[in-house]
Amino acid sequence: MAAQLARERGGSERSWQRAMAEARAQYAHEDNQSQSQNAGRDQGVKQEAGSAQTAL
């Protein structure tokens, strides 16, 4: 893919490889943060549901 981008958009294949690696790392980091936030939110919902059942 890096070679194709270099042909289509210019620049060296190596610079495109580096850009793609950085983009993948950024995506993975953001995806991990999103999953962590969702897990914390899900845990809070479960705790609230448990509290509501206990109150009944």
C-alpha atoms as a PDB file:
ATOM      1  CA  MET A   1       0.000   0.000   0.000  1.00  0.00           C
ATOM      2  CA  ALA A   2       2.858   2.385   0.772  1.00  0.00           C
ATOM      3  CA  ALA A   3       4.260   1.859  -2.728  1.00  0.00           C
ATOM      4  CA  GLN A   4       0.860   2.609  -4.250  1.00  0.00           C
ATOM      5  CA  LEU A   5       0.496   5.800  -2.202  1.00  0.00           C
ATOM      6  CA  ALA A   6       3.976   6.903  -3.235  1.00  0.00           C
ATOM      7  CA  ARG A   7       3.081   6.418  -6.902  1.00  0.00           C
ATOM      8  CA  GLU A   8      -0.287   8.141  -6.604  1.00  0.00           C
ATOM      9  CA  ARG A   9       0.542  10.972  -4.224  1.00  0.00           C
ATOM     10  CA  GLY A  10       4.288  11.377  -4.512  1.00  0.00           C
ATOM     11  CA  GLY A  11       6.948  11.096  -1.860  1.00  0.00           C
ATOM     12  CA  SER A  12       9.017   8.091  -0.998  1.00  0.00           C
ATOM     13  CA  GLU A  13       7.656   4.683  -0.146  1.00  0.00           C
ATOM     14  CA  ARG A  14       9.539   4.777   3.147  1.00  0.00           C
ATOM     15  CA  SER A  15       7.855   8.020   4.231  1.00  0.00           C
ATOM     16  CA  TRP A  16       4.452   6.496   3.455  1.00  0.00           C
ATOM     17  CA  GLN A  17       5.360   3.375   5.453  1.00  0.00           C
ATOM     18  CA  ARG A  18       6.282   5.575   8.404  1.00  0.00           C
ATOM     19  CA  ALA A  19       3.062   7.619   8.068  1.00  0.00           C
ATOM     20  CA  MET A  20       0.960   4.453   7.946  1.00  0.00           C
ATOM     21  CA  ALA A  21       2.721   3.003  10.989  1.00  0.00           C
ATOM     22  CA  GLU A  22       2.079   6.215  12.938  1.00  0.00           C
ATOM     23  CA  ALA A  23      -1.576   6.240  11.885  1.00  0.00           C
ATOM     24  CA  ARG A  24      -2.017   2.611  12.947  1.00  0.00           C
ATOM     25  CA  ALA A  25      -0.415   3.305  16.330  1.00  0.00           C
ATOM     26  CA  GLN A  26      -2.640   6.356  16.867  1.00  0.00           C
ATOM     27  CA  TYR A  27      -5.754   4.377  15.902  1.00  0.00           C
ATOM     28  CA  ALA A  28      -4.818   1.525  18.258  1.00  0.00           C
ATOM     29  CA  HIS A  29      -4.199   3.975  21.114  1.00  0.00           C
ATOM     30  CA  GLU A  30      -7.541   5.744  20.578  1.00  0.00           C
ATOM     31  CA  ASP A  31      -9.354   2.416  20.206  1.00  0.00           C
ATOM     32  CA  ASN A  32      -7.883   1.166  23.496  1.00  0.00           C
ATOM     33  CA  GLN A  33      -8.938   4.362  25.272  1.00  0.00           C
ATOM     34  CA  SER A  34     -12.450   4.058  23.857  1.00  0.00           C
ATOM     35  CA  GLN A  35     -12.730   0.442  24.997  1.00  0.00           C
ATOM     36  CA  SER A  36     -11.508   1.386  28.483  1.00  0.00           C
ATOM     37  CA  GLN A  37     -14.070   4.185  28.745  1.00  0.00           C
ATOM     38  CA  ASN A  38     -16.853   1.898  27.538  1.00  0.00           C
ATOM     39  CA  ALA A  39     -15.868  -0.781  30.054  1.00  0.00           C
ATOM     40  CA  GLY A  40     -15.979   1.756  32.884  1.00  0.00           C
ATOM     41  CA  ARG A  41     -19.342   3.063  31.709  1.00  0.00           C
ATOM     42  CA  ASP A  42     -20.745  -0.476  31.458  1.00  0.00           C
ATOM     43  CA  GLN A  43     -19.543  -1.253  34.974  1.00  0.00           C
ATOM     44  CA  GLY A  44     -21.267   1.873  36.298  1.00  0.00           C
ATOM     45  CA  VAL A  45     -24.534   0.890  34.619  1.00  0.00           C
ATOM     46  CA  LYS A  46     -24.344  -2.582  36.162  1.00  0.00           C
ATOM     47  CA  GLN A  47     -23.749  -1.084  39.604  1.00  0.00           C
ATOM     48  CA  GLU A  48     -26.714   1.279  39.215  1.00  0.00           C
ATOM     49  CA  ALA A  49     -28.950  -1.579  38.101  1.00  0.00           C
ATOM     50  CA  GLY A  50     -27.887  -3.646  41.091  1.00  0.00           C
ATOM     51  CA  SER A  51     -28.605  -0.741  43.460  1.00  0.00           C
ATOM     52  CA  ALA A  52     -32.052  -0.241  41.935  1.00  0.00           C
ATOM     53  CA  GLN A  53     -32.913  -3.912  42.385  1.00  0.00           C
ATOM     54  CA  THR A  54     -31.749  -3.846  46.012  1.00  0.00           C
ATOM     55  CA  ALA A  55     -33.908  -0.778  46.713  1.00  0.00           C
ATOM     56  CA  LEU A  56     -37.038  -2.589  45.519  1.00  0.00           C
END
